[in-house]
Amino acid sequence: MVLDLVVIGTAITLGPLHNSAFILLLSSRRGVRKGMAFLLSWLANLVVVIACVVLLTGGEPPARHSAPSTAAASAKLAIGLGMVLYAAHRRRRPPRPHGPPRWTARVDGASLVTAAGLAWLLQPWALVGAGAATVVAADLSSLTDWLALAGYCLLATLGLIVMETYTLWAPAAAGTRLDALRIWLERHQEQLIVTLSLLVGLWLAARGIYELVA
């Protein structure tokens, strides 16, 4: 479980779409506050998903090859295959010019509530779902599993935490460097999405198959 959560959490934190949006929020008027609203909402989303899974399992991992464990493994396999197919689709489609999303023109006037809602909209839900399928195996009587869940949430939020802290303590330097990072992310968005989707998709599919047949 721990290794799966590390892979999923790393893929979430490296996603180019929400990182670009977060940098735009930080560079806007009241950017630090909007960034904090986005960050806390993002983290709350992860915690809520984990809490729902734990409530369903009662904090005890299901027996191997039981209906819940089979469903979780099948979900991993399905999500993994879906991500691989998605990567292949995006890789094969002809390149298109990417303009900035419409909402970026209104980012300066966005409220804290809007910034928080944007975090839920930009969550990579396939990866969050894979994380939920992995958390099914958590044993809350074990301190190690508690630490693994906390570490997963922090890892999936790490990029946002670093950028928020950097902007808070060194706003001038952060503004220049984060804007350069945003431009790089936008230029390489397709390659990043395809690569992350393919690698994590293959990992999840392999883990799903292993858990089904082992």
C-alpha atoms as a PDB file:
ATOM      1  CA  MET A   1       0.000   0.000   0.000  1.00  0.00           C
ATOM      2  CA  VAL A   2       2.728   2.446   0.952  1.00  0.00           C
ATOM      3  CA  LEU A   3       4.570   2.193  -2.380  1.00  0.00           C
ATOM      4  CA  ASP A   4       1.320   2.589  -4.320  1.00  0.00           C
ATOM      5  CA  LEU A   5       0.461   5.729  -2.347  1.00  0.00           C
ATOM      6  CA  VAL A   6       3.930   7.158  -2.999  1.00  0.00           C
ATOM      7  CA  VAL A   7       3.539   6.627  -6.759  1.00  0.00           C
ATOM      8  CA  ILE A   8       0.024   8.072  -6.831  1.00  0.00           C
ATOM      9  CA  GLY A   9       0.861  11.002  -4.555  1.00  0.00           C
ATOM     10  CA  THR A  10       3.919  11.886  -6.655  1.00  0.00           C
ATOM     11  CA  ALA A  11       1.883  11.789  -9.867  1.00  0.00           C
ATOM     12  CA  ILE A  12      -0.775  14.031  -8.332  1.00  0.00           C
ATOM     13  CA  THR A  13       1.690  16.636  -7.135  1.00  0.00           C
ATOM     14  CA  LEU A  14       3.463  16.747 -10.529  1.00  0.00           C
ATOM     15  CA  GLY A  15       0.288  17.354 -12.556  1.00  0.00           C
ATOM     16  CA  PRO A  16       0.797  20.369 -14.857  1.00  0.00           C
ATOM     17  CA  LEU A  17      -2.801  21.624 -14.993  1.00  0.00           C
ATOM     18  CA  HIS A  18      -3.387  22.433 -11.338  1.00  0.00           C
ATOM     19  CA  ASN A  19       0.170  23.700 -10.874  1.00  0.00           C
ATOM     20  CA  SER A  20      -0.241  26.207 -13.710  1.00  0.00           C
ATOM     21  CA  ALA A  21      -3.568  27.337 -12.284  1.00  0.00           C
ATOM     22  CA  PHE A  22      -2.081  27.662  -8.803  1.00  0.00           C
ATOM     23  CA  ILE A  23       0.755  29.849 -10.070  1.00  0.00           C
ATOM     24  CA  LEU A  24      -1.763  32.112 -11.794  1.00  0.00           C
ATOM     25  CA  LEU A  25      -3.677  32.441  -8.543  1.00  0.00           C
ATOM     26  CA  LEU A  26      -0.503  33.290  -6.632  1.00  0.00           C
ATOM     27  CA  SER A  27       0.369  36.022  -9.140  1.00  0.00           C
ATOM     28  CA  SER A  28      -3.069  37.630  -8.911  1.00  0.00           C
ATOM     29  CA  ARG A  29      -4.356  40.253  -6.507  1.00  0.00           C
ATOM     30  CA  ARG A  30      -4.525  38.787  -2.967  1.00  0.00           C
ATOM     31  CA  GLY A  31      -2.642  35.842  -4.452  1.00  0.00           C
ATOM     32  CA  VAL A  32      -1.321  34.427  -1.184  1.00  0.00           C
ATOM     33  CA  ARG A  33      -4.837  34.229   0.273  1.00  0.00           C
ATOM     34  CA  LYS A  34      -6.255  32.678  -2.872  1.00  0.00           C
ATOM     35  CA  GLY A  35      -3.390  30.219  -2.981  1.00  0.00           C
ATOM     36  CA  MET A  36      -4.053  29.229   0.629  1.00  0.00           C
ATOM     37  CA  ALA A  37      -7.753  28.742  -0.110  1.00  0.00           C
ATOM     38  CA  PHE A  38      -6.853  26.538  -3.098  1.00  0.00           C
ATOM     39  CA  LEU A  39      -4.275  24.573  -1.085  1.00  0.00           C
ATOM     40  CA  LEU A  40      -6.549  23.918   1.889  1.00  0.00           C
ATOM     41  CA  SER A  41      -9.432  22.928  -0.387  1.00  0.00           C
ATOM     42  CA  TRP A  42      -7.131  20.561  -2.316  1.00  0.00           C
ATOM     43  CA  LEU A  43      -5.960  18.936   0.908  1.00  0.00           C
ATOM     44  CA  ALA A  44      -9.503  18.739   2.269  1.00  0.00           C
ATOM     45  CA  ASN A  45     -10.579  16.896  -0.872  1.00  0.00           C
ATOM     46  CA  LEU A  46      -7.955  14.208  -0.314  1.00  0.00           C
ATOM     47  CA  VAL A  47      -8.856  13.888   3.361  1.00  0.00           C
ATOM     48  CA  VAL A  48     -12.580  13.610   2.600  1.00  0.00           C
ATOM     49  CA  VAL A  49     -11.999  10.830   0.062  1.00  0.00           C
ATOM     50  CA  ILE A  50      -9.842   8.898   2.535  1.00  0.00           C
ATOM     51  CA  ALA A  51     -12.381   9.416   5.326  1.00  0.00           C
ATOM     52  CA  CYS A  52     -15.176   8.040   3.132  1.00  0.00           C
ATOM     53  CA  VAL A  53     -13.144   4.925   2.315  1.00  0.00           C
ATOM     54  CA  VAL A  54     -12.240   4.382   5.962  1.00  0.00           C
ATOM     55  CA  LEU A  55     -15.877   4.713   6.984  1.00  0.00           C
ATOM     56  CA  LEU A  56     -16.821   2.049   4.451  1.00  0.00           C
ATOM     57  CA  THR A  57     -14.087  -0.382   5.531  1.00  0.00           C
ATOM     58  CA  GLY A  58     -14.271   0.374   9.242  1.00  0.00           C
ATOM     59  CA  GLY A  59     -10.511   0.952   9.245  1.00  0.00           C
ATOM     60  CA  GLU A  60      -9.788  -2.747   8.714  1.00  0.00           C
ATOM     61  CA  PRO A  61      -8.305  -4.147   5.488  1.00  0.00           C
ATOM     62  CA  PRO A  62     -10.597  -6.660   3.771  1.00  0.00           C
ATOM     63  CA  ALA A  63      -9.516 -10.286   3.471  1.00  0.00           C
ATOM     64  CA  ARG A  64      -7.586 -11.196   0.345  1.00  0.00           C
ATOM     65  CA  HIS A  65      -9.855 -12.141  -2.580  1.00  0.00           C
ATOM     66  CA  SER A  66     -12.949 -11.005  -0.683  1.00  0.00           C
ATOM     67  CA  ALA A  67     -15.511  -8.922  -2.575  1.00  0.00           C
ATOM     68  CA  PRO A  68     -14.168  -5.554  -1.307  1.00  0.00           C
ATOM     69  CA  SER A  69     -10.521  -6.394  -2.044  1.00  0.00           C
ATOM     70  CA  THR A  70     -11.426  -7.728  -5.490  1.00  0.00           C
ATOM     71  CA  ALA A  71     -13.428  -4.583  -6.216  1.00  0.00           C
ATOM     72  CA  ALA A  72     -10.505  -2.379  -5.158  1.00  0.00           C
ATOM     73  CA  ALA A  73      -8.046  -4.331  -7.320  1.00  0.00           C
ATOM     74  CA  SER A  74     -10.446  -4.242 -10.266  1.00  0.00           C
ATOM     75  CA  ALA A  75     -10.806  -0.481  -9.818  1.00  0.00           C
ATOM     76  CA  LYS A  76      -7.021  -0.072  -9.939  1.00  0.00           C
ATOM     77  CA  LEU A  77      -6.854  -2.191 -13.078  1.00  0.00           C
ATOM     78  CA  ALA A  78      -9.672  -0.266 -14.760  1.00  0.00           C
ATOM     79  CA  ILE A  79      -8.206   3.125 -13.850  1.00  0.00           C
ATOM     80  CA  GLY A  80      -4.761   2.042 -14.980  1.00  0.00           C
ATOM     81  CA  LEU A  81      -5.993   0.789 -18.351  1.00  0.00           C
ATOM     82  CA  GLY A  82      -8.085   3.934 -18.766  1.00  0.00           C
ATOM     83  CA  MET A  83      -5.040   6.124 -18.146  1.00  0.00           C
ATOM     84  CA  VAL A  84      -2.950   4.158 -20.633  1.00  0.00           C
ATOM     85  CA  LEU A  85      -5.658   4.500 -23.298  1.00  0.00           C
ATOM     86  CA  TYR A  86      -6.004   8.202 -22.486  1.00  0.00           C
ATOM     87  CA  ALA A  87      -2.247   8.676 -22.896  1.00  0.00           C
ATOM     88  CA  ALA A  88      -2.341   6.869 -26.247  1.00  0.00           C
ATOM     89  CA  HIS A  89      -5.266   9.018 -27.396  1.00  0.00           C
ATOM     90  CA  ARG A  90      -3.547  12.279 -26.495  1.00  0.00           C
ATOM     91  CA  ARG A  91      -0.289  11.076 -28.037  1.00  0.00           C
ATOM     92  CA  ARG A  92      -1.887  10.253 -31.373  1.00  0.00           C
ATOM     93  CA  ARG A  93      -4.198  13.203 -31.822  1.00  0.00           C
ATOM     94  CA  PRO A  94      -2.833  16.047 -33.954  1.00  0.00           C
ATOM     95  CA  PRO A  95      -1.317  18.943 -32.012  1.00  0.00           C
ATOM     96  CA  ARG A  96      -3.632  21.874 -31.398  1.00  0.00           C
ATOM     97  CA  PRO A  97      -2.835  25.399 -30.288  1.00  0.00           C
ATOM     98  CA  HIS A  98      -3.575  25.817 -26.604  1.00  0.00           C
ATOM     99  CA  GLY A  99      -4.843  29.161 -25.453  1.00  0.00           C
ATOM    100  CA  PRO A 100      -5.256  30.042 -21.806  1.00  0.00           C
ATOM    101  CA  PRO A 101      -8.572  28.899 -20.255  1.00  0.00           C
ATOM    102  CA  ARG A 102     -11.302  31.534 -20.148  1.00  0.00           C
ATOM    103  CA  TRP A 103     -11.255  31.762 -16.373  1.00  0.00           C
ATOM    104  CA  THR A 104      -7.664  33.054 -16.378  1.00  0.00           C
ATOM    105  CA  ALA A 105      -8.898  36.428 -17.608  1.00  0.00           C
ATOM    106  CA  ARG A 106     -10.959  36.775 -14.416  1.00  0.00           C
ATOM    107  CA  VAL A 107      -8.416  35.426 -11.957  1.00  0.00           C
ATOM    108  CA  ASP A 108      -7.657  38.838 -10.425  1.00  0.00           C
ATOM    109  CA  GLY A 109     -11.276  39.285  -9.409  1.00  0.00           C
ATOM    110  CA  ALA A 110     -11.774  35.703  -8.241  1.00  0.00           C
ATOM    111  CA  SER A 111     -13.016  35.247  -4.683  1.00  0.00           C
ATOM    112  CA  LEU A 112     -11.538  32.926  -2.092  1.00  0.00           C
ATOM    113  CA  VAL A 113     -14.546  30.635  -2.565  1.00  0.00           C
ATOM    114  CA  THR A 114     -13.874  30.485  -6.292  1.00  0.00           C
ATOM    115  CA  ALA A 115     -10.219  29.652  -5.661  1.00  0.00           C
ATOM    116  CA  ALA A 116     -11.264  26.869  -3.281  1.00  0.00           C
ATOM    117  CA  GLY A 117     -13.772  25.499  -5.799  1.00  0.00           C
ATOM    118  CA  LEU A 118     -11.126  25.537  -8.515  1.00  0.00           C
ATOM    119  CA  ALA A 119      -9.070  23.079  -6.468  1.00  0.00           C
ATOM    120  CA  TRP A 120     -11.910  20.538  -6.577  1.00  0.00           C
ATOM    121  CA  LEU A 121     -12.421  21.129 -10.290  1.00  0.00           C
ATOM    122  CA  LEU A 122      -8.748  20.571 -11.138  1.00  0.00           C
ATOM    123  CA  GLN A 123      -8.221  17.506  -8.959  1.00  0.00           C
ATOM    124  CA  PRO A 124      -6.936  14.594 -11.088  1.00  0.00           C
ATOM    125  CA  TRP A 125      -9.934  12.448 -10.180  1.00  0.00           C
ATOM    126  CA  ALA A 126      -8.614   9.272 -11.804  1.00  0.00           C
ATOM    127  CA  LEU A 127      -5.561   9.398  -9.542  1.00  0.00           C
ATOM    128  CA  VAL A 128      -7.649  10.323  -6.512  1.00  0.00           C
ATOM    129  CA  GLY A 129      -9.846   7.313  -7.290  1.00  0.00           C
ATOM    130  CA  ALA A 130      -6.770   5.103  -7.525  1.00  0.00           C
ATOM    131  CA  GLY A 131      -5.674   6.444  -4.157  1.00  0.00           C
ATOM    132  CA  ALA A 132      -9.072   5.596  -2.710  1.00  0.00           C
ATOM    133  CA  ALA A 133      -8.827   2.040  -4.071  1.00  0.00           C
ATOM    134  CA  THR A 134      -5.420   1.739  -2.427  1.00  0.00           C
ATOM    135  CA  VAL A 135      -6.592   3.124   0.929  1.00  0.00           C
ATOM    136  CA  VAL A 136      -9.067   0.212   1.156  1.00  0.00           C
ATOM    137  CA  ALA A 137      -6.106  -1.845   2.405  1.00  0.00           C
ATOM    138  CA  ALA A 138      -5.347   0.572   5.279  1.00  0.00           C
ATOM    139  CA  ASP A 139      -5.340  -0.824   8.804  1.00  0.00           C
ATOM    140  CA  LEU A 140      -6.040   2.041  11.208  1.00  0.00           C
ATOM    141  CA  SER A 141      -4.876  -0.002  14.171  1.00  0.00           C
ATOM    142  CA  SER A 142      -1.368   0.364  12.727  1.00  0.00           C
ATOM    143  CA  LEU A 143       0.624   3.561  13.279  1.00  0.00           C
ATOM    144  CA  THR A 144       2.517   2.838  10.057  1.00  0.00           C
ATOM    145  CA  ASP A 145      -0.679   3.009   8.025  1.00  0.00           C
ATOM    146  CA  TRP A 146      -1.720   6.263   9.731  1.00  0.00           C
ATOM    147  CA  LEU A 147       1.653   7.742   8.778  1.00  0.00           C
ATOM    148  CA  ALA A 148       1.292   6.402   5.227  1.00  0.00           C
ATOM    149  CA  LEU A 149      -2.095   8.102   4.803  1.00  0.00           C
ATOM    150  CA  ALA A 150      -0.805  11.380   6.222  1.00  0.00           C
ATOM    151  CA  GLY A 151       2.295  11.161   4.031  1.00  0.00           C
ATOM    152  CA  TYR A 152       0.157  10.514   0.946  1.00  0.00           C
ATOM    153  CA  CYS A 153      -1.934  13.624   1.572  1.00  0.00           C
ATOM    154  CA  LEU A 154       1.151  15.759   2.153  1.00  0.00           C
ATOM    155  CA  LEU A 155       2.981  14.338  -0.873  1.00  0.00           C
ATOM    156  CA  ALA A 156      -0.015  14.989  -3.140  1.00  0.00           C
ATOM    157  CA  THR A 157      -0.043  18.596  -1.871  1.00  0.00           C
ATOM    158  CA  LEU A 158       3.724  19.114  -1.650  1.00  0.00           C
ATOM    159  CA  GLY A 159       4.135  21.189  -4.797  1.00  0.00           C
ATOM    160  CA  LEU A 160       1.412  23.589  -3.695  1.00  0.00           C
ATOM    161  CA  ILE A 161       2.896  23.891  -0.198  1.00  0.00           C
ATOM    162  CA  VAL A 162       6.352  24.708  -1.598  1.00  0.00           C
ATOM    163  CA  MET A 163       5.017  27.359  -3.999  1.00  0.00           C
ATOM    164  CA  GLU A 164       2.764  28.929  -1.365  1.00  0.00           C
ATOM    165  CA  THR A 165       5.614  29.109   1.162  1.00  0.00           C
ATOM    166  CA  TYR A 166       8.036  30.502  -1.425  1.00  0.00           C
ATOM    167  CA  THR A 167       5.575  33.234  -2.409  1.00  0.00           C
ATOM    168  CA  LEU A 168       4.914  34.107   1.222  1.00  0.00           C
ATOM    169  CA  TRP A 169       8.578  34.515   2.191  1.00  0.00           C
ATOM    170  CA  ALA A 170      10.130  35.792  -1.058  1.00  0.00           C
ATOM    171  CA  PRO A 171       7.330  37.267  -3.195  1.00  0.00           C
ATOM    172  CA  ALA A 172       9.532  39.087  -5.717  1.00  0.00           C
ATOM    173  CA  ALA A 173      11.813  36.143  -6.478  1.00  0.00           C
ATOM    174  CA  ALA A 174       8.924  33.697  -6.373  1.00  0.00           C
ATOM    175  CA  GLY A 175       6.905  35.731  -8.847  1.00  0.00           C
ATOM    176  CA  THR A 176       9.670  35.637 -11.453  1.00  0.00           C
ATOM    177  CA  ARG A 177      10.620  31.999 -11.026  1.00  0.00           C
ATOM    178  CA  LEU A 178       7.097  30.642 -10.729  1.00  0.00           C
ATOM    179  CA  ASP A 179       6.013  32.552 -13.824  1.00  0.00           C
ATOM    180  CA  ALA A 180       8.895  30.951 -15.732  1.00  0.00           C
ATOM    181  CA  LEU A 181       7.807  27.562 -14.372  1.00  0.00           C
ATOM    182  CA  ARG A 182       4.217  28.201 -15.493  1.00  0.00           C
ATOM    183  CA  ILE A 183       5.374  29.041 -19.030  1.00  0.00           C
ATOM    184  CA  TRP A 184       7.467  25.860 -19.133  1.00  0.00           C
ATOM    185  CA  LEU A 185       4.542  23.767 -17.879  1.00  0.00           C
ATOM    186  CA  GLU A 186       2.240  25.211 -20.519  1.00  0.00           C
ATOM    187  CA  ARG A 187       4.752  24.526 -23.293  1.00  0.00           C
ATOM    188  CA  HIS A 188       5.267  20.924 -22.182  1.00  0.00           C
ATOM    189  CA  GLN A 189       1.741  20.251 -20.952  1.00  0.00           C
ATOM    190  CA  GLU A 190       0.945  17.555 -23.495  1.00  0.00           C
ATOM    191  CA  GLN A 191       4.189  15.667 -22.969  1.00  0.00           C
ATOM    192  CA  LEU A 192       3.793  15.774 -19.192  1.00  0.00           C
ATOM    193  CA  ILE A 193       0.192  14.579 -19.264  1.00  0.00           C
ATOM    194  CA  VAL A 194       0.982  11.737 -21.675  1.00  0.00           C
ATOM    195  CA  THR A 195       4.071  10.620 -19.735  1.00  0.00           C
ATOM    196  CA  LEU A 196       2.439  10.719 -16.312  1.00  0.00           C
ATOM    197  CA  SER A 197      -0.723   9.010 -17.566  1.00  0.00           C
ATOM    198  CA  LEU A 198       1.236   6.257 -19.282  1.00  0.00           C
ATOM    199  CA  LEU A 199       3.670   5.520 -16.450  1.00  0.00           C
ATOM    200  CA  VAL A 200       1.143   5.638 -13.630  1.00  0.00           C
ATOM    201  CA  GLY A 201      -1.449   3.816 -15.736  1.00  0.00           C
ATOM    202  CA  LEU A 202       0.943   0.937 -16.376  1.00  0.00           C
ATOM    203  CA  TRP A 203       1.834   0.811 -12.679  1.00  0.00           C
ATOM    204  CA  LEU A 204      -1.798   0.718 -11.574  1.00  0.00           C
ATOM    205  CA  ALA A 205      -2.748  -1.882 -14.176  1.00  0.00           C
ATOM    206  CA  ALA A 206       0.141  -4.111 -13.113  1.00  0.00           C
ATOM    207  CA  ARG A 207      -0.728  -3.715  -9.426  1.00  0.00           C
ATOM    208  CA  GLY A 208      -4.395  -4.456 -10.126  1.00  0.00           C
ATOM    209  CA  ILE A 209      -3.543  -7.638 -12.011  1.00  0.00           C
ATOM    210  CA  TYR A 210      -1.110  -8.755  -9.312  1.00  0.00           C
ATOM    211  CA  GLU A 211      -3.674  -8.238  -6.543  1.00  0.00           C
ATOM    212  CA  LEU A 212      -6.312 -10.135  -8.500  1.00  0.00           C
ATOM    213  CA  VAL A 213      -4.188 -13.180  -9.224  1.00  0.00           C
ATOM    214  CA  ALA A 214      -1.799 -13.345  -6.248  1.00  0.00           C
END
